[in-house]
Amino acid sequence: MMNESIIDGRYGPATSEIQSLIALADRASEAFNVCTPATATPVEVNALIQSHFDRLTAADLSNLPKVTGITFVMADAVLVAAFGQGADPETAWGFDWIPYREAVRSLRRRLNNEASTDPVRRGRLIPPIWPFAGKPSVYSEPRIARFCDAPPPIPWLLLCGLEEALTHGLIWAVARSDPEGNPFRSLLKIGALGLAPMGLRRERFLIYVPVAGSGLNSAVKFGELA
């Protein structure tokens, strides 16, 4: 699923947004693979999370939990070990993560239905992104979580979470003629900054910081999950 293979017009009016989302995913993959220090400011990241929730709210998610702010979690050996490679992704960090994730997945199910039942939109579910034409739940190869093992110090589940944000964003691009309303673009922008969105926990959205650079060193907190 190379960006170069997605020629202009390949996916109709969704093409430009699809190309943009894939470019963000590729920047995230590169940042994590080389452990680029994250130099974003807390204000910048908070604005992206607020954008994510504003757009989810605009999509009429009645079951969306409340978010009051962000918390940075800095990578360290103990914390990385606590994530556990191969841990159950549904309960890896406790059950209080589930309501946000389920709200997002309910939107994804709605988008899948919209894309697959409308003949015009269904006609855009084609290779190289969707290898089986008309099947919105089947994608080509991963772009972010494509390592046999996650590059240290990145927990594998966080890469999978960003990969899921990409797939959600792509189906939004096909199902909705509203690229500005795409709630998943901001999560991919966070990934492109070298950070990993973890999810909502007790009204705080946690952001994982593999390697902190200038601008974040004074903002990260250690042992937040303890």
C-alpha atoms as a PDB file:
ATOM      1  CA  MET A   1       0.000   0.000   0.000  1.00  0.00           C
ATOM      2  CA  MET A   2       2.566   2.528  -1.088  1.00  0.00           C
ATOM      3  CA  ASN A   3       1.441   6.120  -1.326  1.00  0.00           C
ATOM      4  CA  GLU A   4       2.958   6.312  -4.808  1.00  0.00           C
ATOM      5  CA  SER A   5       0.585   3.580  -6.015  1.00  0.00           C
ATOM      6  CA  ILE A   6      -2.476   5.569  -4.970  1.00  0.00           C
ATOM      7  CA  ILE A   7      -2.770   7.811  -7.991  1.00  0.00           C
ATOM      8  CA  ASP A   8      -4.926  10.916  -7.947  1.00  0.00           C
ATOM      9  CA  GLY A   9      -8.563   9.965  -8.292  1.00  0.00           C
ATOM     10  CA  ARG A  10      -8.005   6.305  -7.403  1.00  0.00           C
ATOM     11  CA  TYR A  11     -10.485   6.571  -4.547  1.00  0.00           C
ATOM     12  CA  GLY A  12     -12.573   9.395  -5.922  1.00  0.00           C
ATOM     13  CA  PRO A  13     -12.895  12.460  -3.679  1.00  0.00           C
ATOM     14  CA  ALA A  14     -11.434  10.433  -0.778  1.00  0.00           C
ATOM     15  CA  THR A  15      -8.063  10.057  -2.514  1.00  0.00           C
ATOM     16  CA  SER A  16      -6.394  13.183  -1.166  1.00  0.00           C
ATOM     17  CA  GLU A  17      -7.367  12.426   2.434  1.00  0.00           C
ATOM     18  CA  ILE A  18      -6.221   8.814   2.072  1.00  0.00           C
ATOM     19  CA  GLN A  19      -2.841   9.933   0.732  1.00  0.00           C
ATOM     20  CA  SER A  20      -2.488  12.392   3.616  1.00  0.00           C
ATOM     21  CA  LEU A  21      -3.324   9.791   6.277  1.00  0.00           C
ATOM     22  CA  ILE A  22      -0.875   7.286   4.839  1.00  0.00           C
ATOM     23  CA  ALA A  23       1.857   9.927   4.771  1.00  0.00           C
ATOM     24  CA  LEU A  24       1.268  10.588   8.486  1.00  0.00           C
ATOM     25  CA  ALA A  25       1.373   6.857   9.220  1.00  0.00           C
ATOM     26  CA  ASP A  26       4.672   6.505   7.386  1.00  0.00           C
ATOM     27  CA  ARG A  27       6.153   9.413   9.336  1.00  0.00           C
ATOM     28  CA  ALA A  28       5.039   7.742  12.577  1.00  0.00           C
ATOM     29  CA  SER A  29       6.559   4.432  11.536  1.00  0.00           C
ATOM     30  CA  GLU A  30       9.878   6.108  10.752  1.00  0.00           C
ATOM     31  CA  ALA A  31       9.874   8.102  13.990  1.00  0.00           C
ATOM     32  CA  PHE A  32       9.334   5.001  16.114  1.00  0.00           C
ATOM     33  CA  ASN A  33      11.737   2.822  14.186  1.00  0.00           C
ATOM     34  CA  VAL A  34      14.636   5.220  14.673  1.00  0.00           C
ATOM     35  CA  CYS A  35      13.440   6.395  18.127  1.00  0.00           C
ATOM     36  CA  THR A  36      13.349  10.046  17.085  1.00  0.00           C
ATOM     37  CA  PRO A  37      13.096  12.254  20.208  1.00  0.00           C
ATOM     38  CA  ALA A  38       9.640  13.786  20.501  1.00  0.00           C
ATOM     39  CA  THR A  39       9.934  17.556  20.475  1.00  0.00           C
ATOM     40  CA  ALA A  40       6.250  18.524  20.418  1.00  0.00           C
ATOM     41  CA  THR A  41       4.948  20.856  23.103  1.00  0.00           C
ATOM     42  CA  PRO A  42       2.272  19.798  25.601  1.00  0.00           C
ATOM     43  CA  VAL A  43       0.000  22.543  24.244  1.00  0.00           C
ATOM     44  CA  GLU A  44       0.311  21.156  20.723  1.00  0.00           C
ATOM     45  CA  VAL A  45      -0.493  17.590  21.786  1.00  0.00           C
ATOM     46  CA  ASN A  46      -3.384  18.685  23.989  1.00  0.00           C
ATOM     47  CA  ALA A  47      -4.895  20.551  21.023  1.00  0.00           C
ATOM     48  CA  LEU A  48      -4.681  17.408  18.895  1.00  0.00           C
ATOM     49  CA  ILE A  49      -6.440  15.317  21.537  1.00  0.00           C
ATOM     50  CA  GLN A  50      -9.107  17.986  21.933  1.00  0.00           C
ATOM     51  CA  SER A  51      -9.582  17.934  18.167  1.00  0.00           C
ATOM     52  CA  HIS A  52      -9.960  14.154  18.282  1.00  0.00           C
ATOM     53  CA  PHE A  53     -12.706  14.346  20.913  1.00  0.00           C
ATOM     54  CA  ASP A  54     -14.434  17.329  19.324  1.00  0.00           C
ATOM     55  CA  ARG A  55     -14.735  15.409  16.072  1.00  0.00           C
ATOM     56  CA  LEU A  56     -15.891  12.233  17.812  1.00  0.00           C
ATOM     57  CA  THR A  57     -18.561  14.303  19.547  1.00  0.00           C
ATOM     58  CA  ALA A  58     -19.589  15.855  16.236  1.00  0.00           C
ATOM     59  CA  ALA A  59     -19.978  12.313  14.874  1.00  0.00           C
ATOM     60  CA  ASP A  60     -22.743  11.857  17.464  1.00  0.00           C
ATOM     61  CA  LEU A  61     -21.164   9.261  19.739  1.00  0.00           C
ATOM     62  CA  SER A  62     -23.569   9.145  22.651  1.00  0.00           C
ATOM     63  CA  ASN A  63     -21.383   6.729  24.620  1.00  0.00           C
ATOM     64  CA  LEU A  64     -18.178   8.807  24.432  1.00  0.00           C
ATOM     65  CA  PRO A  65     -16.516   9.226  27.860  1.00  0.00           C
ATOM     66  CA  LYS A  66     -15.418  12.630  29.118  1.00  0.00           C
ATOM     67  CA  VAL A  67     -11.823  13.822  28.745  1.00  0.00           C
ATOM     68  CA  THR A  68     -10.369  16.564  30.932  1.00  0.00           C
ATOM     69  CA  GLY A  69      -6.760  16.686  29.706  1.00  0.00           C
ATOM     70  CA  ILE A  70      -3.649  14.735  28.822  1.00  0.00           C
ATOM     71  CA  THR A  71      -0.882  13.044  30.778  1.00  0.00           C
ATOM     72  CA  PHE A  72       2.505  12.142  29.310  1.00  0.00           C
ATOM     73  CA  VAL A  73       3.990   8.802  30.282  1.00  0.00           C
ATOM     74  CA  MET A  74       7.731   8.490  29.788  1.00  0.00           C
ATOM     75  CA  ALA A  75       9.184   5.161  28.745  1.00  0.00           C
ATOM     76  CA  ASP A  76      11.298   3.321  31.269  1.00  0.00           C
ATOM     77  CA  ALA A  77      12.273  -0.331  31.648  1.00  0.00           C
ATOM     78  CA  VAL A  78       9.716  -1.090  34.362  1.00  0.00           C
ATOM     79  CA  LEU A  79       6.855   0.522  32.497  1.00  0.00           C
ATOM     80  CA  VAL A  80       7.711  -1.162  29.218  1.00  0.00           C
ATOM     81  CA  ALA A  81       7.856  -4.534  30.973  1.00  0.00           C
ATOM     82  CA  ALA A  82       4.476  -3.854  32.562  1.00  0.00           C
ATOM     83  CA  PHE A  83       2.849  -3.478  29.150  1.00  0.00           C
ATOM     84  CA  GLY A  84       3.885  -7.001  28.260  1.00  0.00           C
ATOM     85  CA  GLN A  85       4.511  -8.001  24.687  1.00  0.00           C
ATOM     86  CA  GLY A  86       1.681 -10.288  23.669  1.00  0.00           C
ATOM     87  CA  ALA A  87      -0.602  -9.134  26.488  1.00  0.00           C
ATOM     88  CA  ASP A  88      -4.351  -9.338  26.021  1.00  0.00           C
ATOM     89  CA  PRO A  89      -5.040  -6.103  24.097  1.00  0.00           C
ATOM     90  CA  GLU A  90      -8.517  -5.785  25.592  1.00  0.00           C
ATOM     91  CA  THR A  91      -7.396  -5.681  29.212  1.00  0.00           C
ATOM     92  CA  ALA A  92      -3.661  -4.988  29.020  1.00  0.00           C
ATOM     93  CA  TRP A  93      -3.895  -1.771  31.044  1.00  0.00           C
ATOM     94  CA  GLY A  94      -7.037  -2.424  33.070  1.00  0.00           C
ATOM     95  CA  PHE A  95     -10.750  -2.362  32.431  1.00  0.00           C
ATOM     96  CA  ASP A  96     -11.145   1.409  32.757  1.00  0.00           C
ATOM     97  CA  TRP A  97      -9.645   1.790  29.265  1.00  0.00           C
ATOM     98  CA  ILE A  98     -12.535  -0.056  27.630  1.00  0.00           C
ATOM     99  CA  PRO A  99     -15.350   2.590  27.395  1.00  0.00           C
ATOM    100  CA  TYR A 100     -13.342   4.937  25.168  1.00  0.00           C
ATOM    101  CA  ARG A 101     -12.141   2.107  22.945  1.00  0.00           C
ATOM    102  CA  GLU A 102     -15.655   0.705  22.572  1.00  0.00           C
ATOM    103  CA  ALA A 103     -17.058   4.137  21.703  1.00  0.00           C
ATOM    104  CA  VAL A 104     -14.499   4.505  18.925  1.00  0.00           C
ATOM    105  CA  ARG A 105     -15.191   1.009  17.644  1.00  0.00           C
ATOM    106  CA  SER A 106     -18.916   1.721  17.532  1.00  0.00           C
ATOM    107  CA  LEU A 107     -18.141   4.583  15.157  1.00  0.00           C
ATOM    108  CA  ARG A 108     -15.974   2.267  13.084  1.00  0.00           C
ATOM    109  CA  ARG A 109     -18.858  -0.212  12.755  1.00  0.00           C
ATOM    110  CA  ARG A 110     -21.122   2.614  11.603  1.00  0.00           C
ATOM    111  CA  LEU A 111     -18.563   3.733   9.041  1.00  0.00           C
ATOM    112  CA  ASN A 112     -18.142   0.189   7.746  1.00  0.00           C
ATOM    113  CA  ASN A 113     -21.892  -0.026   7.245  1.00  0.00           C
ATOM    114  CA  GLU A 114     -22.076   3.328   5.470  1.00  0.00           C
ATOM    115  CA  ALA A 115     -19.188   2.473   3.160  1.00  0.00           C
ATOM    116  CA  SER A 116     -20.401  -1.020   2.283  1.00  0.00           C
ATOM    117  CA  THR A 117     -24.111  -0.286   1.751  1.00  0.00           C
ATOM    118  CA  ASP A 118     -23.829   2.800  -0.457  1.00  0.00           C
ATOM    119  CA  PRO A 119     -23.007   1.643  -4.031  1.00  0.00           C
ATOM    120  CA  VAL A 120     -20.780   4.635  -4.835  1.00  0.00           C
ATOM    121  CA  ARG A 121     -18.752   4.377  -1.628  1.00  0.00           C
ATOM    122  CA  ARG A 122     -18.584   0.603  -1.842  1.00  0.00           C
ATOM    123  CA  GLY A 123     -17.051   0.992  -5.291  1.00  0.00           C
ATOM    124  CA  ARG A 124     -14.114   2.811  -3.671  1.00  0.00           C
ATOM    125  CA  LEU A 125     -13.227  -0.122  -1.408  1.00  0.00           C
ATOM    126  CA  ILE A 126     -10.654  -1.455  -3.830  1.00  0.00           C
ATOM    127  CA  PRO A 127      -6.938  -2.394  -3.930  1.00  0.00           C
ATOM    128  CA  PRO A 128      -4.296  -1.551  -2.994  1.00  0.00           C
ATOM    129  CA  ILE A 129      -5.760  -0.500   0.376  1.00  0.00           C
ATOM    130  CA  TRP A 130      -8.684  -2.927   0.435  1.00  0.00           C
ATOM    131  CA  PRO A 131      -7.383  -6.102  -1.257  1.00  0.00           C
ATOM    132  CA  PHE A 132     -10.859  -7.657  -1.483  1.00  0.00           C
ATOM    133  CA  ALA A 133     -13.116  -5.198  -3.259  1.00  0.00           C
ATOM    134  CA  GLY A 134     -16.109  -4.118  -1.230  1.00  0.00           C
ATOM    135  CA  LYS A 135     -14.777  -5.550   2.062  1.00  0.00           C
ATOM    136  CA  PRO A 136     -14.180  -2.595   4.426  1.00  0.00           C
ATOM    137  CA  SER A 137     -12.823  -4.702   7.296  1.00  0.00           C
ATOM    138  CA  VAL A 138      -9.946  -6.239   5.305  1.00  0.00           C
ATOM    139  CA  TYR A 139      -6.840  -4.129   4.699  1.00  0.00           C
ATOM    140  CA  SER A 140      -3.505  -4.636   3.019  1.00  0.00           C
ATOM    141  CA  GLU A 141      -0.249  -4.870   4.940  1.00  0.00           C
ATOM    142  CA  PRO A 142       0.292  -2.783   8.105  1.00  0.00           C
ATOM    143  CA  ARG A 143       2.227   0.452   7.860  1.00  0.00           C
ATOM    144  CA  ILE A 144       3.033   1.169  11.504  1.00  0.00           C
ATOM    145  CA  ALA A 145       2.718  -2.113  13.439  1.00  0.00           C
ATOM    146  CA  ARG A 146       4.699  -4.068  10.872  1.00  0.00           C
ATOM    147  CA  PHE A 147       7.640  -5.184  12.969  1.00  0.00           C
ATOM    148  CA  CYS A 148       8.185  -8.739  14.199  1.00  0.00           C
ATOM    149  CA  ASP A 149       8.926  -7.072  17.511  1.00  0.00           C
ATOM    150  CA  ALA A 150       8.277  -3.474  18.396  1.00  0.00           C
ATOM    151  CA  PRO A 151      11.442  -1.349  18.303  1.00  0.00           C
ATOM    152  CA  PRO A 152      12.633  -0.600  21.855  1.00  0.00           C
ATOM    153  CA  PRO A 153      11.320   1.086  23.877  1.00  0.00           C
ATOM    154  CA  ILE A 154       7.904   0.963  22.134  1.00  0.00           C
ATOM    155  CA  PRO A 155       5.304  -1.490  23.462  1.00  0.00           C
ATOM    156  CA  TRP A 156       3.828  -3.452  20.562  1.00  0.00           C
ATOM    157  CA  LEU A 157       0.239  -2.713  21.599  1.00  0.00           C
ATOM    158  CA  LEU A 158       0.778   1.005  21.088  1.00  0.00           C
ATOM    159  CA  LEU A 159       1.865   0.500  17.494  1.00  0.00           C
ATOM    160  CA  CYS A 160      -1.232  -1.636  16.976  1.00  0.00           C
ATOM    161  CA  GLY A 161      -3.343   1.182  18.412  1.00  0.00           C
ATOM    162  CA  LEU A 162      -1.936   3.658  15.917  1.00  0.00           C
ATOM    163  CA  GLU A 163      -2.444   1.139  13.132  1.00  0.00           C
ATOM    164  CA  GLU A 164      -6.083   0.916  14.176  1.00  0.00           C
ATOM    165  CA  ALA A 165      -6.360   4.710  14.059  1.00  0.00           C
ATOM    166  CA  LEU A 166      -5.097   4.567  10.476  1.00  0.00           C
ATOM    167  CA  THR A 167      -7.648   1.955   9.420  1.00  0.00           C
ATOM    168  CA  HIS A 168     -10.434   3.926  11.120  1.00  0.00           C
ATOM    169  CA  GLY A 169      -9.279   7.105   9.391  1.00  0.00           C
ATOM    170  CA  LEU A 170      -9.160   5.455   5.978  1.00  0.00           C
ATOM    171  CA  ILE A 171     -12.696   4.108   6.225  1.00  0.00           C
ATOM    172  CA  TRP A 172     -13.867   7.548   7.396  1.00  0.00           C
ATOM    173  CA  ALA A 173     -12.353   9.035   4.232  1.00  0.00           C
ATOM    174  CA  VAL A 174     -14.443   6.687   2.094  1.00  0.00           C
ATOM    175  CA  ALA A 175     -17.650   6.736   4.132  1.00  0.00           C
ATOM    176  CA  ARG A 176     -17.817  10.491   4.778  1.00  0.00           C
ATOM    177  CA  SER A 177     -17.259  13.395   2.399  1.00  0.00           C
ATOM    178  CA  ASP A 178     -15.782  15.391   5.269  1.00  0.00           C
ATOM    179  CA  PRO A 179     -11.985  15.181   5.587  1.00  0.00           C
ATOM    180  CA  GLU A 180     -11.924  18.071   8.071  1.00  0.00           C
ATOM    181  CA  GLY A 181     -14.198  16.092  10.375  1.00  0.00           C
ATOM    182  CA  ASN A 182     -11.977  12.993  10.419  1.00  0.00           C
ATOM    183  CA  PRO A 183     -11.404  12.320  14.152  1.00  0.00           C
ATOM    184  CA  PHE A 184      -8.493   9.950  13.538  1.00  0.00           C
ATOM    185  CA  ARG A 185      -6.218  12.343  11.675  1.00  0.00           C
ATOM    186  CA  SER A 186      -5.152  14.008  14.940  1.00  0.00           C
ATOM    187  CA  LEU A 187      -4.085  10.654  16.462  1.00  0.00           C
ATOM    188  CA  LEU A 188      -1.891   9.983  13.441  1.00  0.00           C
ATOM    189  CA  LYS A 189      -0.443  13.491  13.747  1.00  0.00           C
ATOM    190  CA  ILE A 190       0.557  12.605  17.310  1.00  0.00           C
ATOM    191  CA  GLY A 191       2.216   9.437  16.021  1.00  0.00           C
ATOM    192  CA  ALA A 192       4.079  11.449  13.396  1.00  0.00           C
ATOM    193  CA  LEU A 193       5.486  13.540  16.264  1.00  0.00           C
ATOM    194  CA  GLY A 194       7.103  10.405  17.708  1.00  0.00           C
ATOM    195  CA  LEU A 195       4.460   9.913  20.427  1.00  0.00           C
ATOM    196  CA  ALA A 196       1.943   7.110  20.905  1.00  0.00           C
ATOM    197  CA  PRO A 197      -1.677   7.785  21.926  1.00  0.00           C
ATOM    198  CA  MET A 198      -2.593   5.209  24.562  1.00  0.00           C
ATOM    199  CA  GLY A 199      -6.227   5.954  25.284  1.00  0.00           C
ATOM    200  CA  LEU A 200      -8.459   7.445  27.925  1.00  0.00           C
ATOM    201  CA  ARG A 201      -8.007   6.526  31.568  1.00  0.00           C
ATOM    202  CA  ARG A 202     -10.043   8.210  34.317  1.00  0.00           C
ATOM    203  CA  GLU A 203     -10.794  11.260  32.124  1.00  0.00           C
ATOM    204  CA  ARG A 204      -7.104  11.729  31.241  1.00  0.00           C
ATOM    205  CA  PHE A 205      -5.806  10.820  27.812  1.00  0.00           C
ATOM    206  CA  LEU A 206      -2.381   9.214  28.204  1.00  0.00           C
ATOM    207  CA  ILE A 207       0.373   9.855  25.673  1.00  0.00           C
ATOM    208  CA  TYR A 208       3.374   7.526  25.651  1.00  0.00           C
ATOM    209  CA  VAL A 209       6.756   9.200  25.139  1.00  0.00           C
ATOM    210  CA  PRO A 210       9.430   6.729  23.939  1.00  0.00           C
ATOM    211  CA  VAL A 211      12.220   9.342  23.873  1.00  0.00           C
ATOM    212  CA  ALA A 212      11.643  12.865  25.194  1.00  0.00           C
ATOM    213  CA  GLY A 213      13.288  15.795  23.492  1.00  0.00           C
ATOM    214  CA  SER A 214      13.263  19.508  24.220  1.00  0.00           C
ATOM    215  CA  GLY A 215       9.795  20.772  25.046  1.00  0.00           C
ATOM    216  CA  LEU A 216       8.631  17.573  26.717  1.00  0.00           C
ATOM    217  CA  ASN A 217      11.326  16.801  29.286  1.00  0.00           C
ATOM    218  CA  SER A 218       9.617  18.838  31.984  1.00  0.00           C
ATOM    219  CA  ALA A 219       6.150  17.574  31.123  1.00  0.00           C
ATOM    220  CA  VAL A 220       6.486  13.797  31.213  1.00  0.00           C
ATOM    221  CA  LYS A 221       5.579  11.815  34.293  1.00  0.00           C
ATOM    222  CA  PHE A 222       7.090   8.505  35.380  1.00  0.00           C
ATOM    223  CA  GLY A 223       5.105   5.626  36.814  1.00  0.00           C
ATOM    224  CA  GLU A 224       1.723   7.064  35.829  1.00  0.00           C
ATOM    225  CA  LEU A 225       0.277   3.570  35.391  1.00  0.00           C
ATOM    226  CA  ALA A 226       1.452   2.309  38.758  1.00  0.00           C
END
